[in-house]
C-alpha cells in the first residue's frame, strides 16, 4: 500500500486573500451584466423616442410644410430646401 503524503496547501491568509479578490471580481461581473441590461433598455427607449419624434415631425410637416420649430416658444420658421439655397448662392 502506498504511503499517503500530506497535501500541500496555501496558508489561511493566502486563501482568504484569493477568495476576497475572486468574490469582488464576481460581483463586478454581475454589476457589468446588470449595466448591460440597463444599456439595452435605454437603447431601446432611445430608438422608440426617435421613432416617435419622426412621426411627430412628419405630422407637422404635413400640416405646416417644411418648417423648423423653436422648442422654447413653438414658433415656426420656414425651412428652405437645399436646392433653393444652392440657387441663391
N, C-alpha and C. Protein backbone atom coordinates (compact mmCIF):
# COMPACT_ATOMS: atom_id res chain seq x y z
N UNK A 1 0.84 -1.17 0.00
CA UNK A 1 0.00 0.00 0.00
C UNK A 1 0.90 1.24 0.00
N UNK A 2 0.50 2.23 -0.83
CA UNK A 2 1.31 3.44 -0.95
C UNK A 2 1.12 4.31 0.28
N UNK A 3 2.18 4.96 0.64
CA UNK A 3 2.16 5.84 1.80
C UNK A 3 1.48 7.15 1.42
N UNK A 4 0.51 7.61 2.24
CA UNK A 4 -0.17 8.88 1.99
C UNK A 4 0.77 10.02 2.29
N UNK A 5 0.75 10.99 1.37
CA UNK A 5 1.56 12.19 1.61
C UNK A 5 0.63 13.31 2.02
N UNK A 6 1.15 14.24 2.75
CA UNK A 6 0.35 15.38 3.21
C UNK A 6 0.12 16.32 2.03
N UNK A 7 -1.15 16.76 1.84
CA UNK A 7 -1.48 17.70 0.77
C UNK A 7 -0.78 19.03 1.03
N UNK A 8 -0.26 19.59 -0.04
CA UNK A 8 0.38 20.90 0.04
C UNK A 8 -0.71 21.96 -0.05
N UNK A 9 -0.75 22.89 0.89
CA UNK A 9 -1.79 23.91 0.94
C UNK A 9 -1.17 25.29 1.10
N UNK A 10 -1.95 26.28 0.65
CA UNK A 10 -1.56 27.66 0.92
C UNK A 10 -2.03 28.00 2.33
N UNK A 11 -1.54 29.11 2.84
CA UNK A 11 -1.93 29.49 4.20
C UNK A 11 -3.37 29.99 4.20
N UNK A 12 -3.95 30.04 5.38
CA UNK A 12 -5.33 30.53 5.52
C UNK A 12 -5.43 31.98 5.05
N UNK A 13 -4.41 32.78 5.36
CA UNK A 13 -4.42 34.19 4.92
C UNK A 13 -4.35 34.30 3.40
N UNK A 14 -3.53 33.46 2.77
CA UNK A 14 -3.43 33.47 1.31
C UNK A 14 -4.76 33.05 0.69
N UNK A 15 -5.37 32.02 1.26
CA UNK A 15 -6.66 31.55 0.76
C UNK A 15 -7.71 32.64 0.90
N UNK A 16 -7.72 33.29 2.05
CA UNK A 16 -8.69 34.37 2.30
C UNK A 16 -8.49 35.51 1.29
N UNK A 17 -7.24 35.87 1.03
CA UNK A 17 -6.95 36.94 0.06
C UNK A 17 -7.47 36.59 -1.32
N UNK A 18 -7.23 35.37 -1.75
CA UNK A 18 -7.71 34.93 -3.07
C UNK A 18 -9.23 34.93 -3.10
N UNK A 19 -9.86 34.45 -2.05
CA UNK A 19 -11.32 34.40 -2.00
C UNK A 19 -11.92 35.80 -2.07
N UNK A 20 -11.31 36.75 -1.38
CA UNK A 20 -11.80 38.13 -1.40
C UNK A 20 -11.73 38.70 -2.81
N UNK A 21 -10.60 38.50 -3.48
CA UNK A 21 -10.43 39.04 -4.83
C UNK A 21 -11.39 38.37 -5.81
N UNK A 22 -11.53 37.06 -5.73
CA UNK A 22 -12.44 36.35 -6.64
C UNK A 22 -13.88 36.78 -6.40
N UNK A 23 -14.26 36.96 -5.15
CA UNK A 23 -15.61 37.43 -4.83
C UNK A 23 -15.85 38.82 -5.42
N UNK A 24 -14.87 39.69 -5.29
CA UNK A 24 -15.01 41.04 -5.84
C UNK A 24 -15.13 41.01 -7.36
N UNK A 25 -14.32 40.18 -8.00
CA UNK A 25 -14.40 40.04 -9.46
C UNK A 25 -15.78 39.54 -9.87
N UNK A 26 -16.30 38.55 -9.17
CA UNK A 26 -17.63 38.02 -9.49
C UNK A 26 -18.71 39.08 -9.32
N UNK A 27 -18.61 39.87 -8.26
CA UNK A 27 -19.59 40.94 -8.04
C UNK A 27 -19.52 41.99 -9.15
N UNK A 28 -18.30 42.33 -9.56
CA UNK A 28 -18.14 43.31 -10.64
C UNK A 28 -18.70 42.78 -11.95
N UNK A 29 -18.49 41.50 -12.21
CA UNK A 29 -19.05 40.90 -13.43
C UNK A 29 -20.57 40.93 -13.40
N UNK A 30 -21.15 40.70 -12.25
CA UNK A 30 -22.61 40.77 -12.12
C UNK A 30 -23.10 42.20 -12.34
N UNK A 31 -22.38 43.16 -11.79
CA UNK A 31 -22.75 44.56 -11.98
C UNK A 31 -22.67 44.94 -13.45
N UNK A 32 -21.62 44.50 -14.12
CA UNK A 32 -21.46 44.80 -15.55
C UNK A 32 -22.62 44.19 -16.33
N UNK A 33 -22.99 42.97 -15.99
CA UNK A 33 -24.14 42.34 -16.65
C UNK A 33 -25.41 43.15 -16.45
N UNK A 34 -25.62 43.63 -15.23
CA UNK A 34 -26.79 44.47 -14.95
C UNK A 34 -26.76 45.76 -15.73
N UNK A 35 -25.57 46.34 -15.83
CA UNK A 35 -25.43 47.59 -16.60
C UNK A 35 -25.69 47.36 -18.09
N UNK A 36 -25.27 46.22 -18.59
CA UNK A 36 -25.53 45.90 -20.00
C UNK A 36 -27.03 45.78 -20.26
N UNK A 37 -27.75 45.19 -19.32
CA UNK A 37 -29.21 45.09 -19.46
C UNK A 37 -29.81 46.49 -19.45
N UNK A 38 -29.35 47.34 -18.52
CA UNK A 38 -29.85 48.72 -18.47
C UNK A 38 -29.53 49.46 -19.77
N UNK A 39 -28.34 49.21 -20.30
CA UNK A 39 -27.94 49.84 -21.56
C UNK A 39 -28.87 49.42 -22.69
N UNK A 40 -29.17 48.12 -22.77
CA UNK A 40 -30.07 47.63 -23.81
C UNK A 40 -31.46 48.27 -23.69
N UNK A 41 -31.95 48.39 -22.47
CA UNK A 41 -33.25 49.02 -22.25
C UNK A 41 -33.21 50.48 -22.68
N UNK A 42 -32.14 51.18 -22.30
CA UNK A 42 -32.01 52.60 -22.66
C UNK A 42 -31.92 52.77 -24.17
N UNK A 43 -31.17 51.90 -24.84
CA UNK A 43 -31.06 51.99 -26.30
C UNK A 43 -32.41 51.74 -26.96
N UNK A 44 -33.16 50.80 -26.42
CA UNK A 44 -34.49 50.51 -26.96
C UNK A 44 -35.41 51.71 -26.79
N UNK A 45 -35.37 52.33 -25.62
CA UNK A 45 -36.19 53.52 -25.38
C UNK A 45 -35.77 54.68 -26.28
N UNK A 46 -34.46 54.80 -26.50
CA UNK A 46 -33.96 55.85 -27.39
C UNK A 46 -34.50 55.65 -28.80
N UNK A 47 -34.43 54.43 -29.31
CA UNK A 47 -34.95 54.15 -30.66
C UNK A 47 -36.44 54.43 -30.72
N UNK A 48 -37.15 54.06 -29.67
CA UNK A 48 -38.59 54.31 -29.62
C UNK A 48 -38.87 55.82 -29.64
N UNK A 49 -38.11 56.57 -28.86
CA UNK A 49 -38.28 58.03 -28.83
C UNK A 49 -37.96 58.66 -30.17
N UNK A 50 -36.91 58.17 -30.82
CA UNK A 50 -36.56 58.71 -32.13
C UNK A 50 -37.66 58.42 -33.15
N UNK A 51 -38.25 57.24 -33.06
CA UNK A 51 -39.36 56.90 -33.96
C UNK A 51 -40.56 57.79 -33.72
N UNK A 52 -40.86 58.04 -32.45
CA UNK A 52 -41.98 58.92 -32.12
C UNK A 52 -41.72 60.34 -32.64
N UNK A 53 -40.48 60.81 -32.51
CA UNK A 53 -40.13 62.14 -32.99
C UNK A 53 -40.30 62.22 -34.51
N UNK A 54 -39.86 61.19 -35.22
CA UNK A 54 -40.01 61.19 -36.68
C UNK A 54 -41.49 61.27 -37.07
N UNK A 55 -42.34 60.54 -36.34
CA UNK A 55 -43.78 60.58 -36.64
C UNK A 55 -44.35 61.97 -36.37
N UNK A 56 -43.95 62.57 -35.25
CA UNK A 56 -44.42 63.92 -34.94
C UNK A 56 -43.95 64.91 -36.00
N UNK A 57 -42.69 64.79 -36.40
CA UNK A 57 -42.15 65.69 -37.41
C UNK A 57 -42.89 65.53 -38.74
N UNK A 58 -43.19 64.29 -39.10
CA UNK A 58 -43.91 64.04 -40.35
C UNK A 58 -45.31 64.66 -40.28
N UNK A 59 -45.96 64.52 -39.14
CA UNK A 59 -47.29 65.12 -38.98
C UNK A 59 -47.25 66.63 -39.06
N UNK A 60 -46.24 67.23 -38.44
CA UNK A 60 -46.11 68.69 -38.51
C UNK A 60 -45.78 69.14 -39.93
N UNK A 61 -44.96 68.37 -40.62
CA UNK A 61 -44.62 68.73 -42.00
C UNK A 61 -45.85 68.64 -42.90
N UNK A 62 -46.68 67.63 -42.67
CA UNK A 62 -47.92 67.51 -43.44
C UNK A 62 -48.83 68.71 -43.19
N UNK A 63 -48.87 69.16 -41.95
CA UNK A 63 -49.77 70.25 -41.58
C UNK A 63 -49.21 71.63 -41.94
N UNK A 64 -47.90 71.85 -41.70
CA UNK A 64 -47.33 73.19 -41.85
C UNK A 64 -46.31 73.31 -42.98
N UNK A 65 -45.97 72.21 -43.61
CA UNK A 65 -44.92 72.24 -44.63
C UNK A 65 -43.55 72.12 -43.95
N UNK A 66 -42.51 72.38 -44.73
CA UNK A 66 -41.15 72.27 -44.18
C UNK A 66 -40.87 73.48 -43.30
N UNK A 67 -40.86 73.23 -42.01
CA UNK A 67 -40.61 74.29 -41.03
C UNK A 67 -39.69 73.76 -39.94
N UNK A 68 -39.06 74.70 -39.26
CA UNK A 68 -38.36 74.32 -38.04
C UNK A 68 -39.16 74.91 -36.88
N UNK A 69 -39.13 74.21 -35.77
CA UNK A 69 -39.90 74.63 -34.61
C UNK A 69 -38.94 75.07 -33.52
N UNK A 70 -39.14 76.28 -33.02
CA UNK A 70 -38.37 76.72 -31.86
C UNK A 70 -38.92 75.95 -30.66
N UNK A 71 -38.10 75.13 -30.05
CA UNK A 71 -38.56 74.27 -28.96
C UNK A 71 -38.86 75.03 -27.68
N UNK A 72 -38.42 76.28 -27.59
CA UNK A 72 -38.74 77.08 -26.41
C UNK A 72 -40.07 77.81 -26.56
N UNK A 73 -40.35 78.29 -27.78
CA UNK A 73 -41.54 79.13 -27.98
C UNK A 73 -42.62 78.48 -28.81
N UNK A 74 -42.27 77.47 -29.61
CA UNK A 74 -43.24 76.85 -30.50
C UNK A 74 -43.41 77.61 -31.81
N UNK A 75 -42.65 78.67 -31.99
CA UNK A 75 -42.76 79.47 -33.21
C UNK A 75 -42.17 78.69 -34.38
N UNK A 76 -42.91 78.73 -35.50
CA UNK A 76 -42.49 78.03 -36.70
C UNK A 76 -41.70 78.97 -37.60
N UNK A 77 -40.69 78.43 -38.24
CA UNK A 77 -39.90 79.20 -39.18
C UNK A 77 -39.77 78.36 -40.45
N UNK A 78 -40.10 78.93 -41.60
CA UNK A 78 -39.99 78.16 -42.84
C UNK A 78 -38.55 77.70 -43.07
N UNK A 79 -38.43 76.51 -43.62
CA UNK A 79 -37.11 75.97 -43.95
C UNK A 79 -37.03 75.86 -45.45
N UNK A 80 -36.01 76.47 -46.01
CA UNK A 80 -35.82 76.38 -47.45
C UNK A 80 -35.08 75.08 -47.75
N UNK A 81 -35.49 74.42 -48.82
CA UNK A 81 -34.79 73.18 -49.14
C UNK A 81 -33.42 73.50 -49.72
N UNK A 82 -32.56 72.51 -49.78
CA UNK A 82 -31.17 72.72 -50.19
C UNK A 82 -31.06 73.21 -51.62
N UNK A 83 -31.94 72.75 -52.51
CA UNK A 83 -31.87 73.19 -53.91
C UNK A 83 -32.13 74.68 -54.01
N UNK A 84 -33.10 75.18 -53.27
CA UNK A 84 -33.40 76.61 -53.31
C UNK A 84 -32.23 77.40 -52.74
N UNK A 85 -31.61 76.90 -51.69
CA UNK A 85 -30.46 77.60 -51.11
C UNK A 85 -29.29 77.61 -52.09
N UNK A 86 -29.08 76.51 -52.79
CA UNK A 86 -27.97 76.44 -53.75
C UNK A 86 -28.17 77.39 -54.92
N UNK A 87 -29.42 77.59 -55.35
CA UNK A 87 -29.71 78.51 -56.45
C UNK A 87 -29.43 79.95 -56.05
N UNK A 88 -29.68 80.28 -54.76
CA UNK A 88 -29.44 81.63 -54.28
C UNK A 88 -27.95 81.93 -54.22
N UNK A 89 -27.16 80.93 -53.90
CA UNK A 89 -25.71 81.13 -53.74
C UNK A 89 -25.06 80.96 -55.04
